[in-house]
Amino acid sequence: MNATKRRAIYETLQSLTPHPKTELEYTTPFELLIAVMLSAQATDVSVNKAMRKMFPVANTPAAVLALGEERVSEYIRTIGLYRTKAKNVIATCRMLVDQHGGEVPDNREALEALPGVGRKTASVVLNTAFGQPTIAVDTHIFRVANRTGLAPGKDVRAVETALEKFTPKEFLQDAHHWLILHGRYVCKARVPECWHCVIEPLCEYRPKTPAPVE
């Protein structure tokens, strides 16, 4: 895909959603960190439902530590892999208190050192909480980047590298939000909804999916 077409894709997505945001609900970097940790192999909807109950009770590292692993487990029981996630949440809160004064660090190395925090989670926090132009490649972005031809790659790191290389600088801050939303609601895994896709004329995916016959 050439640079002109890539720019046109981002311009089109920007015109549709000028100020994209994560669908996870949060008010502080810490709330975002915990929500993103919990969202692995789970839906944003399920995480939001659980956090609407937990955050009013505990939304700081010290307060979550005071809850303890069992009570955190109770709050997140409806989320996949909740026992492992509860352990990671507690361990992360302990590190934040002991090593970072209870604050979420704003650099990748420190974030990825936290239990249960990988590159994708760190990228989301850096981008959304701290305004850094990172691109967190999840399954939606991996699919959209490869299917459209925007930034093909054999694995998520290759796609991340390609997106960072080929995305015009003015779109880097919001790129991953646009691509996630597009993959979640239009360029779906099983049946991409090409018949109402705003970037269909620019997309290099073949064959296009026709509209369903009613």
N, C-alpha and C. Protein backbone atom coordinates (compact mmCIF):
# COMPACT_ATOMS: atom_id res chain seq x y z
N MET A 1 0.85 -1.19 0.00
CA MET A 1 0.00 0.00 0.00
C MET A 1 0.89 1.24 0.00
N ASN A 2 0.55 2.20 -0.84
CA ASN A 2 1.38 3.40 -0.93
C ASN A 2 1.00 4.43 0.14
N ALA A 3 1.88 5.42 0.31
CA ALA A 3 1.71 6.40 1.37
C ALA A 3 0.45 7.24 1.20
N THR A 4 0.10 7.53 -0.04
CA THR A 4 -1.10 8.33 -0.30
C THR A 4 -2.35 7.62 0.17
N LYS A 5 -2.42 6.32 -0.09
CA LYS A 5 -3.59 5.55 0.31
C LYS A 5 -3.64 5.39 1.83
N ARG A 6 -2.49 5.19 2.45
CA ARG A 6 -2.45 5.09 3.92
C ARG A 6 -2.97 6.38 4.56
N ARG A 7 -2.48 7.50 4.06
CA ARG A 7 -2.93 8.78 4.60
C ARG A 7 -4.44 8.95 4.42
N ALA A 8 -4.95 8.55 3.28
CA ALA A 8 -6.38 8.67 3.00
C ALA A 8 -7.20 7.82 3.96
N ILE A 9 -6.68 6.64 4.31
CA ILE A 9 -7.39 5.78 5.27
C ILE A 9 -7.50 6.47 6.62
N TYR A 10 -6.39 7.01 7.10
CA TYR A 10 -6.42 7.69 8.40
C TYR A 10 -7.29 8.95 8.36
N GLU A 11 -7.22 9.68 7.27
CA GLU A 11 -8.06 10.88 7.15
C GLU A 11 -9.53 10.53 7.18
N THR A 12 -9.88 9.40 6.54
CA THR A 12 -11.27 8.96 6.51
C THR A 12 -11.74 8.52 7.89
N LEU A 13 -10.92 7.73 8.58
CA LEU A 13 -11.27 7.29 9.93
C LEU A 13 -11.34 8.48 10.89
N GLN A 14 -10.47 9.45 10.71
CA GLN A 14 -10.48 10.64 11.55
C GLN A 14 -11.76 11.45 11.32
N SER A 15 -12.20 11.55 10.08
CA SER A 15 -13.42 12.30 9.78
C SER A 15 -14.64 11.66 10.41
N LEU A 16 -14.60 10.33 10.54
CA LEU A 16 -15.71 9.61 11.15
C LEU A 16 -15.71 9.74 12.67
N THR A 17 -14.51 9.67 13.27
CA THR A 17 -14.35 9.78 14.72
C THR A 17 -13.17 10.70 15.02
N PRO A 18 -13.40 12.00 15.09
CA PRO A 18 -12.30 12.95 15.26
C PRO A 18 -11.50 12.78 16.55
N HIS A 19 -12.20 12.39 17.62
CA HIS A 19 -11.53 12.25 18.91
C HIS A 19 -11.83 10.88 19.51
N PRO A 20 -11.19 9.83 19.00
CA PRO A 20 -11.47 8.47 19.48
C PRO A 20 -10.96 8.26 20.90
N LYS A 21 -11.66 7.44 21.64
CA LYS A 21 -11.27 7.13 23.01
C LYS A 21 -11.43 5.63 23.27
N THR A 22 -10.70 5.16 24.27
CA THR A 22 -10.88 3.79 24.69
C THR A 22 -12.29 3.59 25.23
N GLU A 23 -12.82 2.39 25.08
CA GLU A 23 -14.15 2.10 25.62
C GLU A 23 -14.08 1.62 27.07
N LEU A 24 -12.87 1.49 27.60
CA LEU A 24 -12.70 1.19 29.02
C LEU A 24 -12.97 2.46 29.83
N GLU A 25 -13.68 2.31 30.93
CA GLU A 25 -14.02 3.46 31.77
C GLU A 25 -12.93 3.66 32.84
N TYR A 26 -12.43 4.88 32.95
CA TYR A 26 -11.38 5.17 33.93
C TYR A 26 -11.35 6.67 34.20
N THR A 27 -10.78 7.05 35.33
CA THR A 27 -10.61 8.47 35.65
C THR A 27 -9.17 8.82 35.99
N THR A 28 -8.33 7.81 36.25
CA THR A 28 -6.92 8.05 36.59
C THR A 28 -6.05 7.05 35.84
N PRO A 29 -4.75 7.32 35.72
CA PRO A 29 -3.85 6.35 35.10
C PRO A 29 -3.89 4.99 35.79
N PHE A 30 -4.04 4.99 37.12
CA PHE A 30 -4.11 3.70 37.82
C PHE A 30 -5.37 2.92 37.43
N GLU A 31 -6.51 3.58 37.39
CA GLU A 31 -7.74 2.90 36.98
C GLU A 31 -7.60 2.34 35.57
N LEU A 32 -6.98 3.11 34.68
CA LEU A 32 -6.78 2.63 33.31
C LEU A 32 -5.87 1.41 33.30
N LEU A 33 -4.77 1.46 34.04
CA LEU A 33 -3.84 0.34 34.10
C LEU A 33 -4.55 -0.93 34.53
N ILE A 34 -5.32 -0.86 35.61
CA ILE A 34 -6.02 -2.04 36.10
C ILE A 34 -7.05 -2.53 35.09
N ALA A 35 -7.78 -1.61 34.48
CA ALA A 35 -8.80 -1.99 33.50
C ALA A 35 -8.17 -2.68 32.30
N VAL A 36 -7.05 -2.18 31.82
CA VAL A 36 -6.39 -2.79 30.66
C VAL A 36 -5.84 -4.16 31.04
N MET A 37 -5.28 -4.29 32.23
CA MET A 37 -4.80 -5.60 32.69
C MET A 37 -5.93 -6.62 32.70
N LEU A 38 -7.09 -6.19 33.14
CA LEU A 38 -8.23 -7.11 33.25
C LEU A 38 -8.87 -7.42 31.90
N SER A 39 -8.62 -6.55 30.91
CA SER A 39 -9.31 -6.71 29.63
C SER A 39 -8.71 -7.79 28.73
N ALA A 40 -7.56 -8.34 29.11
CA ALA A 40 -6.95 -9.40 28.31
C ALA A 40 -7.89 -10.60 28.26
N GLN A 41 -8.20 -11.06 27.05
CA GLN A 41 -9.12 -12.19 26.85
C GLN A 41 -10.47 -11.96 27.54
N ALA A 42 -10.89 -10.71 27.55
CA ALA A 42 -12.20 -10.35 28.11
C ALA A 42 -12.71 -9.13 27.35
N THR A 43 -13.99 -8.84 27.48
CA THR A 43 -14.55 -7.69 26.78
C THR A 43 -14.45 -6.44 27.64
N ASP A 44 -14.39 -5.29 26.98
CA ASP A 44 -14.39 -4.03 27.72
C ASP A 44 -15.67 -3.89 28.53
N VAL A 45 -16.77 -4.39 28.00
CA VAL A 45 -18.05 -4.31 28.70
C VAL A 45 -17.99 -5.04 30.03
N SER A 46 -17.42 -6.25 30.04
CA SER A 46 -17.34 -7.03 31.29
C SER A 46 -16.42 -6.36 32.30
N VAL A 47 -15.33 -5.76 31.82
CA VAL A 47 -14.41 -5.07 32.72
C VAL A 47 -15.08 -3.84 33.32
N ASN A 48 -15.76 -3.07 32.49
CA ASN A 48 -16.44 -1.87 32.98
C ASN A 48 -17.47 -2.21 34.05
N LYS A 49 -18.24 -3.27 33.84
CA LYS A 49 -19.25 -3.67 34.82
C LYS A 49 -18.62 -4.00 36.16
N ALA A 50 -17.50 -4.72 36.13
CA ALA A 50 -16.82 -5.09 37.37
C ALA A 50 -16.20 -3.87 38.06
N MET A 51 -15.59 -3.01 37.27
CA MET A 51 -14.89 -1.86 37.86
C MET A 51 -15.86 -0.80 38.39
N ARG A 52 -17.07 -0.77 37.87
CA ARG A 52 -18.07 0.16 38.42
C ARG A 52 -18.39 -0.18 39.87
N LYS A 53 -18.14 -1.41 40.25
CA LYS A 53 -18.37 -1.84 41.64
C LYS A 53 -17.10 -1.72 42.48
N MET A 54 -15.94 -2.03 41.86
CA MET A 54 -14.70 -2.03 42.64
C MET A 54 -14.08 -0.65 42.82
N PHE A 55 -14.03 0.15 41.76
CA PHE A 55 -13.35 1.44 41.85
C PHE A 55 -13.94 2.39 42.89
N PRO A 56 -15.27 2.43 43.09
CA PRO A 56 -15.79 3.30 44.16
C PRO A 56 -15.31 2.89 45.55
N VAL A 57 -14.93 1.61 45.68
CA VAL A 57 -14.44 1.10 46.96
C VAL A 57 -12.92 1.22 47.05
N ALA A 58 -12.23 0.93 45.97
CA ALA A 58 -10.76 0.96 45.96
C ALA A 58 -10.26 1.32 44.57
N ASN A 59 -9.65 2.49 44.43
CA ASN A 59 -9.13 2.90 43.12
C ASN A 59 -7.73 3.50 43.22
N THR A 60 -7.00 3.08 44.26
CA THR A 60 -5.58 3.44 44.37
C THR A 60 -4.82 2.16 44.70
N PRO A 61 -3.51 2.11 44.42
CA PRO A 61 -2.76 0.90 44.76
C PRO A 61 -2.88 0.50 46.23
N ALA A 62 -2.80 1.47 47.13
CA ALA A 62 -2.88 1.16 48.57
C ALA A 62 -4.26 0.61 48.93
N ALA A 63 -5.31 1.20 48.36
CA ALA A 63 -6.66 0.74 48.68
C ALA A 63 -6.93 -0.66 48.14
N VAL A 64 -6.41 -0.95 46.95
CA VAL A 64 -6.60 -2.29 46.38
C VAL A 64 -5.81 -3.31 47.19
N LEU A 65 -4.61 -2.93 47.62
CA LEU A 65 -3.82 -3.82 48.49
C LEU A 65 -4.59 -4.13 49.77
N ALA A 66 -5.25 -3.13 50.31
CA ALA A 66 -6.03 -3.32 51.54
C ALA A 66 -7.19 -4.28 51.32
N LEU A 67 -7.74 -4.29 50.11
CA LEU A 67 -8.81 -5.25 49.81
C LEU A 67 -8.30 -6.68 49.93
N GLY A 68 -7.13 -6.92 49.36
CA GLY A 68 -6.57 -8.26 49.37
C GLY A 68 -7.02 -9.06 48.15
N GLU A 69 -6.30 -10.12 47.87
CA GLU A 69 -6.53 -10.92 46.67
C GLU A 69 -7.93 -11.53 46.61
N GLU A 70 -8.41 -12.03 47.74
CA GLU A 70 -9.72 -12.70 47.73
C GLU A 70 -10.86 -11.73 47.40
N ARG A 71 -10.81 -10.54 47.98
CA ARG A 71 -11.88 -9.57 47.72
C ARG A 71 -11.78 -9.03 46.29
N VAL A 72 -10.57 -8.83 45.79
CA VAL A 72 -10.42 -8.44 44.39
C VAL A 72 -11.00 -9.52 43.49
N SER A 73 -10.72 -10.79 43.83
CA SER A 73 -11.26 -11.90 43.05
C SER A 73 -12.78 -11.87 43.00
N GLU A 74 -13.40 -11.51 44.10
CA GLU A 74 -14.86 -11.44 44.14
C GLU A 74 -15.38 -10.36 43.19
N TYR A 75 -14.71 -9.24 43.15
CA TYR A 75 -15.15 -8.16 42.26
C TYR A 75 -15.00 -8.53 40.79
N ILE A 76 -13.96 -9.31 40.46
CA ILE A 76 -13.68 -9.58 39.04
C ILE A 76 -14.03 -11.02 38.64
N ARG A 77 -14.84 -11.68 39.45
CA ARG A 77 -15.17 -13.09 39.20
C ARG A 77 -15.80 -13.31 37.82
N THR A 78 -16.50 -12.32 37.29
CA THR A 78 -17.19 -12.47 36.00
C THR A 78 -16.25 -12.27 34.82
N ILE A 79 -14.98 -11.94 35.07
CA ILE A 79 -14.00 -11.71 34.02
C ILE A 79 -13.13 -12.96 33.85
N GLY A 80 -12.83 -13.29 32.63
CA GLY A 80 -12.03 -14.47 32.35
C GLY A 80 -10.67 -14.44 33.04
N LEU A 81 -10.21 -15.63 33.49
CA LEU A 81 -8.92 -15.79 34.16
C LEU A 81 -8.81 -14.92 35.41
N TYR A 82 -9.92 -14.77 36.12
CA TYR A 82 -9.97 -13.80 37.21
C TYR A 82 -9.02 -14.10 38.35
N ARG A 83 -8.75 -15.37 38.65
CA ARG A 83 -7.85 -15.67 39.77
C ARG A 83 -6.42 -15.23 39.46
N THR A 84 -5.96 -15.55 38.27
CA THR A 84 -4.61 -15.12 37.88
C THR A 84 -4.52 -13.61 37.82
N LYS A 85 -5.57 -12.98 37.30
CA LYS A 85 -5.58 -11.52 37.20
C LYS A 85 -5.60 -10.87 38.58
N ALA A 86 -6.32 -11.46 39.52
CA ALA A 86 -6.35 -10.91 40.88
C ALA A 86 -4.96 -10.95 41.51
N LYS A 87 -4.23 -12.05 41.31
CA LYS A 87 -2.86 -12.15 41.82
C LYS A 87 -1.98 -11.07 41.22
N ASN A 88 -2.11 -10.88 39.89
CA ASN A 88 -1.29 -9.87 39.22
C ASN A 88 -1.64 -8.46 39.67
N VAL A 89 -2.92 -8.20 39.87
CA VAL A 89 -3.35 -6.88 40.33
C VAL A 89 -2.74 -6.56 41.69
N ILE A 90 -2.81 -7.51 42.59
CA ILE A 90 -2.25 -7.30 43.94
C ILE A 90 -0.74 -7.11 43.87
N ALA A 91 -0.06 -7.96 43.08
CA ALA A 91 1.40 -7.87 42.96
C ALA A 91 1.80 -6.54 42.32
N THR A 92 1.05 -6.09 41.34
CA THR A 92 1.33 -4.81 40.70
C THR A 92 1.12 -3.65 41.67
N CYS A 93 0.04 -3.71 42.42
CA CYS A 93 -0.21 -2.65 43.40
C CYS A 93 0.90 -2.59 44.45
N ARG A 94 1.39 -3.74 44.84
CA ARG A 94 2.48 -3.77 45.82
C ARG A 94 3.74 -3.11 45.24
N MET A 95 4.05 -3.39 43.99
CA MET A 95 5.22 -2.77 43.35
C MET A 95 5.03 -1.27 43.18
N LEU A 96 3.81 -0.86 42.83
CA LEU A 96 3.54 0.57 42.67
C LEU A 96 3.75 1.31 43.99
N VAL A 97 3.30 0.70 45.08
CA VAL A 97 3.46 1.32 46.40
C VAL A 97 4.93 1.33 46.83
N ASP A 98 5.58 0.17 46.67
CA ASP A 98 6.95 0.02 47.18
C ASP A 98 8.00 0.74 46.33
N GLN A 99 7.78 0.78 45.01
CA GLN A 99 8.83 1.27 44.12
C GLN A 99 8.51 2.58 43.40
N HIS A 100 7.22 2.96 43.38
CA HIS A 100 6.85 4.13 42.58
C HIS A 100 5.98 5.13 43.36
N GLY A 101 6.01 5.03 44.68
CA GLY A 101 5.27 5.99 45.50
C GLY A 101 3.77 5.97 45.26
N GLY A 102 3.26 4.81 44.80
CA GLY A 102 1.83 4.68 44.56
C GLY A 102 1.37 5.28 43.24
N GLU A 103 2.32 5.71 42.40
CA GLU A 103 1.98 6.31 41.11
C GLU A 103 2.29 5.35 39.96
N VAL A 104 1.54 5.47 38.88
CA VAL A 104 1.80 4.66 37.69
C VAL A 104 2.95 5.31 36.92
N PRO A 105 4.01 4.57 36.64
CA PRO A 105 5.14 5.15 35.90
C PRO A 105 4.76 5.47 34.46
N ASP A 106 5.43 6.46 33.88
CA ASP A 106 5.10 6.85 32.52
C ASP A 106 6.18 6.45 31.52
N ASN A 107 6.88 5.33 31.82
CA ASN A 107 7.86 4.83 30.87
C ASN A 107 7.68 3.32 30.69
N ARG A 108 7.99 2.86 29.50
CA ARG A 108 7.72 1.47 29.12
C ARG A 108 8.43 0.46 30.00
N GLU A 109 9.71 0.69 30.26
CA GLU A 109 10.49 -0.28 31.03
C GLU A 109 9.86 -0.54 32.40
N ALA A 110 9.49 0.51 33.09
CA ALA A 110 8.90 0.37 34.42
C ALA A 110 7.52 -0.28 34.35
N LEU A 111 6.75 0.08 33.35
CA LEU A 111 5.42 -0.52 33.21
C LEU A 111 5.51 -2.01 32.92
N GLU A 112 6.39 -2.39 32.01
CA GLU A 112 6.49 -3.80 31.63
C GLU A 112 7.11 -4.65 32.74
N ALA A 113 7.71 -4.01 33.72
CA ALA A 113 8.24 -4.75 34.87
C ALA A 113 7.15 -5.12 35.87
N LEU A 114 5.95 -4.53 35.72
CA LEU A 114 4.85 -4.82 36.62
C LEU A 114 4.22 -6.18 36.28
N PRO A 115 3.86 -6.98 37.28
CA PRO A 115 3.25 -8.28 37.03
C PRO A 115 1.96 -8.16 36.21
N GLY A 116 1.86 -8.96 35.17
CA GLY A 116 0.66 -8.95 34.35
C GLY A 116 0.60 -7.85 33.33
N VAL A 117 1.68 -7.09 33.20
CA VAL A 117 1.72 -5.98 32.23
C VAL A 117 2.70 -6.33 31.12
N GLY A 118 2.16 -6.55 29.93
CA GLY A 118 3.00 -6.82 28.77
C GLY A 118 3.14 -5.59 27.90
N ARG A 119 3.69 -5.78 26.73
CA ARG A 119 3.95 -4.65 25.83
C ARG A 119 2.66 -3.95 25.41
N LYS A 120 1.62 -4.75 25.10
CA LYS A 120 0.37 -4.15 24.64
C LYS A 120 -0.26 -3.29 25.74
N THR A 121 -0.34 -3.82 26.96
CA THR A 121 -0.91 -3.06 28.08
C THR A 121 -0.12 -1.79 28.33
N ALA A 122 1.20 -1.91 28.32
CA ALA A 122 2.05 -0.73 28.54
C ALA A 122 1.80 0.32 27.46
N SER A 123 1.64 -0.12 26.21
CA SER A 123 1.42 0.81 25.12
C SER A 123 0.10 1.56 25.27
N VAL A 124 -0.94 0.84 25.71
CA VAL A 124 -2.24 1.49 25.92
C VAL A 124 -2.13 2.56 27.00
N VAL A 125 -1.48 2.22 28.10
CA VAL A 125 -1.35 3.18 29.22
C VAL A 125 -0.51 4.38 28.80
N LEU A 126 0.59 4.13 28.12
CA LEU A 126 1.45 5.23 27.68
C LEU A 126 0.71 6.16 26.73
N ASN A 127 -0.08 5.58 25.83
CA ASN A 127 -0.82 6.38 24.85
C ASN A 127 -1.99 7.12 25.48
N THR A 128 -2.83 6.38 26.18
CA THR A 128 -4.11 6.92 26.64
C THR A 128 -3.97 7.76 27.91
N ALA A 129 -3.13 7.32 28.83
CA ALA A 129 -2.98 8.06 30.09
C ALA A 129 -1.94 9.17 30.00
N PHE A 130 -0.88 8.94 29.19
CA PHE A 130 0.23 9.88 29.19
C PHE A 130 0.47 10.57 27.84
N GLY A 131 -0.39 10.30 26.86
CA GLY A 131 -0.32 11.02 25.60
C GLY A 131 0.88 10.72 24.73
N GLN A 132 1.46 9.53 24.90
CA GLN A 132 2.60 9.16 24.07
C GLN A 132 2.11 8.46 22.79
N PRO A 133 2.76 8.72 21.65
CA PRO A 133 2.29 8.18 20.37
C PRO A 133 2.65 6.71 20.15
N THR A 134 2.16 5.86 21.03
CA THR A 134 2.42 4.42 20.90
C THR A 134 1.24 3.75 20.21
N ILE A 135 1.48 2.57 19.65
CA ILE A 135 0.42 1.80 19.00
C ILE A 135 0.37 0.43 19.65
N ALA A 136 -0.72 0.14 20.34
CA ALA A 136 -0.90 -1.14 21.01
C ALA A 136 -1.61 -2.09 20.06
N VAL A 137 -0.93 -3.11 19.60
CA VAL A 137 -1.50 -4.02 18.60
C VAL A 137 -2.20 -5.18 19.29
N ASP A 138 -3.53 -5.19 19.19
CA ASP A 138 -4.31 -6.33 19.69
C ASP A 138 -4.79 -7.13 18.49
N THR A 139 -5.69 -8.09 18.72
CA THR A 139 -6.16 -8.94 17.62
C THR A 139 -6.89 -8.14 16.56
N HIS A 140 -7.63 -7.11 16.98
CA HIS A 140 -8.36 -6.29 16.02
C HIS A 140 -7.40 -5.53 15.10
N ILE A 141 -6.41 -4.89 15.69
CA ILE A 141 -5.46 -4.11 14.89
C ILE A 141 -4.63 -5.03 14.00
N PHE A 142 -4.22 -6.17 14.54
CA PHE A 142 -3.45 -7.14 13.75
C PHE A 142 -4.24 -7.55 12.51
N ARG A 143 -5.53 -7.83 12.70
CA ARG A 143 -6.39 -8.24 11.59
C ARG A 143 -6.57 -7.12 10.57
N VAL A 144 -6.91 -5.93 11.04
CA VAL A 144 -7.15 -4.80 10.14
C VAL A 144 -5.89 -4.43 9.37
N ALA A 145 -4.76 -4.38 10.05
CA ALA A 145 -3.51 -4.00 9.40
C ALA A 145 -3.13 -4.97 8.29
N ASN A 146 -3.35 -6.26 8.53
CA ASN A 146 -3.02 -7.27 7.53
C ASN A 146 -4.08 -7.36 6.43
N ARG A 147 -5.33 -7.34 6.81
CA ARG A 147 -6.41 -7.53 5.84
C ARG A 147 -6.48 -6.37 4.85
N THR A 148 -6.34 -5.15 5.35
CA THR A 148 -6.45 -3.98 4.47
C THR A 148 -5.18 -3.74 3.65
N GLY A 149 -4.05 -4.25 4.15
CA GLY A 149 -2.77 -3.96 3.52
C GLY A 149 -2.10 -2.73 4.10
N LEU A 150 -2.70 -2.16 5.16
CA LEU A 150 -2.18 -0.94 5.77
C LEU A 150 -0.77 -1.14 6.33
N ALA A 151 -0.57 -2.26 7.04
CA ALA A 151 0.74 -2.54 7.64
C ALA A 151 0.85 -4.04 7.90
N PRO A 152 1.07 -4.83 6.87
CA PRO A 152 1.13 -6.28 7.03
C PRO A 152 2.31 -6.72 7.90
N GLY A 153 2.10 -7.82 8.62
CA GLY A 153 3.17 -8.38 9.45
C GLY A 153 2.80 -9.76 9.92
N LYS A 154 3.81 -10.61 10.15
CA LYS A 154 3.54 -11.99 10.55
C LYS A 154 3.16 -12.13 12.02
N ASP A 155 3.55 -11.16 12.84
CA ASP A 155 3.21 -11.19 14.26
C ASP A 155 2.92 -9.77 14.73
N VAL A 156 2.44 -9.66 15.98
CA VAL A 156 2.01 -8.35 16.47
C VAL A 156 3.15 -7.34 16.52
N ARG A 157 4.35 -7.80 16.84
CA ARG A 157 5.48 -6.86 16.91
C ARG A 157 5.83 -6.34 15.52
N ALA A 158 5.74 -7.22 14.51
CA ALA A 158 6.02 -6.78 13.14
C ALA A 158 4.99 -5.77 12.67
N VAL A 159 3.73 -5.99 13.04
CA VAL A 159 2.67 -5.05 12.67
C VAL A 159 2.87 -3.73 13.40
N GLU A 160 3.22 -3.80 14.68
CA GLU A 160 3.48 -2.57 15.45
C GLU A 160 4.59 -1.75 14.80
N THR A 161 5.68 -2.42 14.42
CA THR A 161 6.81 -1.74 13.79
C THR A 161 6.39 -1.10 12.47
N ALA A 162 5.60 -1.83 11.69
CA ALA A 162 5.15 -1.33 10.39
C ALA A 162 4.22 -0.13 10.56
N LEU A 163 3.32 -0.21 11.53
CA LEU A 163 2.40 0.91 11.77
C LEU A 163 3.16 2.16 12.23
N GLU A 164 4.12 1.98 13.12
CA GLU A 164 4.90 3.12 13.60
C GLU A 164 5.73 3.73 12.47
N LYS A 165 6.16 2.91 11.53
CA LYS A 165 6.97 3.38 10.41
C LYS A 165 6.13 4.10 9.36
N PHE A 166 4.95 3.54 9.06
CA PHE A 166 4.18 4.03 7.92
C PHE A 166 3.04 4.99 8.27
N THR A 167 2.68 5.09 9.56
CA THR A 167 1.61 6.00 9.95
C THR A 167 2.14 7.43 9.99
N PRO A 168 1.52 8.37 9.27
CA PRO A 168 1.95 9.77 9.34
C PRO A 168 1.93 10.26 10.78
N LYS A 169 2.90 11.07 11.15
CA LYS A 169 3.08 11.49 12.54
C LYS A 169 1.83 12.09 13.17
N GLU A 170 1.08 12.86 12.38
CA GLU A 170 -0.09 13.52 12.96
C GLU A 170 -1.21 12.56 13.34
N PHE A 171 -1.10 11.31 12.89
CA PHE A 171 -2.14 10.32 13.20
C PHE A 171 -1.69 9.29 14.24
N LEU A 172 -0.42 9.32 14.63
CA LEU A 172 0.12 8.29 15.53
C LEU A 172 -0.61 8.24 16.87
N GLN A 173 -0.95 9.38 17.43
CA GLN A 173 -1.57 9.40 18.75
C GLN A 173 -2.90 8.65 18.77
N ASP A 174 -3.69 8.77 17.72
CA ASP A 174 -5.03 8.18 17.71
C ASP A 174 -5.16 6.92 16.86
N ALA A 175 -4.08 6.54 16.17
CA ALA A 175 -4.15 5.44 15.20
C ALA A 175 -4.71 4.15 15.80
N HIS A 176 -4.21 3.76 16.97
CA HIS A 176 -4.65 2.46 17.48
C HIS A 176 -6.11 2.48 17.91
N HIS A 177 -6.61 3.63 18.37
CA HIS A 177 -8.04 3.71 18.70
C HIS A 177 -8.90 3.56 17.45
N TRP A 178 -8.52 4.26 16.38
CA TRP A 178 -9.29 4.14 15.14
C TRP A 178 -9.31 2.71 14.63
N LEU A 179 -8.16 2.06 14.65
CA LEU A 179 -8.06 0.71 14.09
C LEU A 179 -8.78 -0.32 14.96
N ILE A 180 -8.71 -0.14 16.28
CA ILE A 180 -9.44 -1.05 17.18
C ILE A 180 -10.94 -0.94 16.94
N LEU A 181 -11.44 0.28 16.90
CA LEU A 181 -12.87 0.49 16.70
C LEU A 181 -13.32 -0.05 15.34
N HIS A 182 -12.49 0.15 14.34
CA HIS A 182 -12.84 -0.34 13.00
C HIS A 182 -12.88 -1.87 12.98
N GLY A 183 -11.91 -2.49 13.64
CA GLY A 183 -11.89 -3.95 13.69
C GLY A 183 -13.00 -4.53 14.54
N ARG A 184 -13.36 -3.82 15.59
CA ARG A 184 -14.40 -4.31 16.51
C ARG A 184 -15.80 -4.23 15.89
N TYR A 185 -16.06 -3.17 15.13
CA TYR A 185 -17.43 -2.94 14.68
C TYR A 185 -17.66 -3.08 13.18
N VAL A 186 -16.61 -3.06 12.37
CA VAL A 186 -16.80 -3.15 10.92
C VAL A 186 -15.97 -4.28 10.30
N CYS A 187 -14.67 -4.20 10.46
CA CYS A 187 -13.78 -5.21 9.85
C CYS A 187 -13.66 -6.41 10.79
N LYS A 188 -14.78 -7.09 10.99
CA LYS A 188 -14.88 -8.16 11.97
C LYS A 188 -14.14 -9.41 11.51
N ALA A 189 -13.82 -10.27 12.48
CA ALA A 189 -12.98 -11.43 12.19
C ALA A 189 -13.63 -12.39 11.20
N ARG A 190 -14.83 -12.83 11.47
CA ARG A 190 -15.45 -13.85 10.63
C ARG A 190 -15.97 -13.29 9.32
N VAL A 191 -16.74 -12.22 9.41
CA VAL A 191 -17.33 -11.62 8.21
C VAL A 191 -17.12 -10.11 8.25
N PRO A 192 -16.12 -9.61 7.55
CA PRO A 192 -15.94 -8.15 7.49
C PRO A 192 -17.12 -7.50 6.78
N GLU A 193 -17.62 -6.43 7.36
CA GLU A 193 -18.82 -5.79 6.82
C GLU A 193 -18.44 -4.72 5.79
N CYS A 194 -17.90 -5.19 4.69
CA CYS A 194 -17.38 -4.30 3.65
C CYS A 194 -18.45 -3.40 3.05
N TRP A 195 -19.71 -3.85 3.09
CA TRP A 195 -20.78 -3.11 2.43
C TRP A 195 -21.09 -1.76 3.08
N HIS A 196 -20.63 -1.55 4.31
CA HIS A 196 -20.82 -0.23 4.90
C HIS A 196 -19.53 0.31 5.51
N CYS A 197 -18.40 -0.11 4.96
CA CYS A 197 -17.09 0.30 5.43
C CYS A 197 -16.66 1.60 4.76
N VAL A 198 -16.28 2.59 5.57
CA VAL A 198 -15.93 3.90 5.02
C VAL A 198 -14.60 3.89 4.27
N ILE A 199 -13.74 2.90 4.56
CA ILE A 199 -12.46 2.84 3.86
C ILE A 199 -12.44 1.74 2.79
N GLU A 200 -13.59 1.19 2.47
CA GLU A 200 -13.66 0.10 1.48
C GLU A 200 -13.00 0.46 0.15
N PRO A 201 -13.17 1.67 -0.38
CA PRO A 201 -12.53 2.00 -1.65
C PRO A 201 -11.00 2.00 -1.58
N LEU A 202 -10.46 2.17 -0.37
CA LEU A 202 -9.01 2.25 -0.19
C LEU A 202 -8.40 0.92 0.23
N CYS A 203 -9.22 0.03 0.74
CA CYS A 203 -8.78 -1.25 1.29
C CYS A 203 -8.36 -2.21 0.19
N GLU A 204 -7.28 -2.95 0.41
CA GLU A 204 -6.76 -3.88 -0.59
C GLU A 204 -7.21 -5.32 -0.35
N TYR A 205 -8.16 -5.50 0.56
CA TYR A 205 -8.69 -6.84 0.83
C TYR A 205 -9.52 -7.33 -0.34
N ARG A 206 -9.27 -8.55 -0.75
CA ARG A 206 -10.07 -9.20 -1.80
C ARG A 206 -10.37 -10.62 -1.34
N PRO A 207 -11.60 -11.11 -1.56
CA PRO A 207 -12.72 -10.38 -2.17
C PRO A 207 -13.49 -9.57 -1.10
N LYS A 208 -14.17 -8.52 -1.53
CA LYS A 208 -14.99 -7.76 -0.61
C LYS A 208 -16.22 -8.59 -0.24
N THR A 209 -16.69 -8.40 0.98
CA THR A 209 -17.88 -9.11 1.43
C THR A 209 -19.13 -8.36 0.98
N PRO A 210 -20.03 -9.02 0.23
CA PRO A 210 -21.24 -8.34 -0.21
C PRO A 210 -22.24 -8.17 0.93
N ALA A 211 -23.15 -7.25 0.77
CA ALA A 211 -24.19 -7.04 1.78
C ALA A 211 -25.07 -8.28 1.85
N PRO A 212 -25.51 -8.67 3.04
CA PRO A 212 -26.39 -9.84 3.16
C PRO A 212 -27.72 -9.61 2.48
N VAL A 213 -28.26 -10.66 1.91
CA VAL A 213 -29.56 -10.58 1.24
C VAL A 213 -30.67 -10.74 2.26
N GLU A 214 -31.57 -9.79 2.33
CA GLU A 214 -32.65 -9.86 3.31
C GLU A 214 -33.84 -10.63 2.72
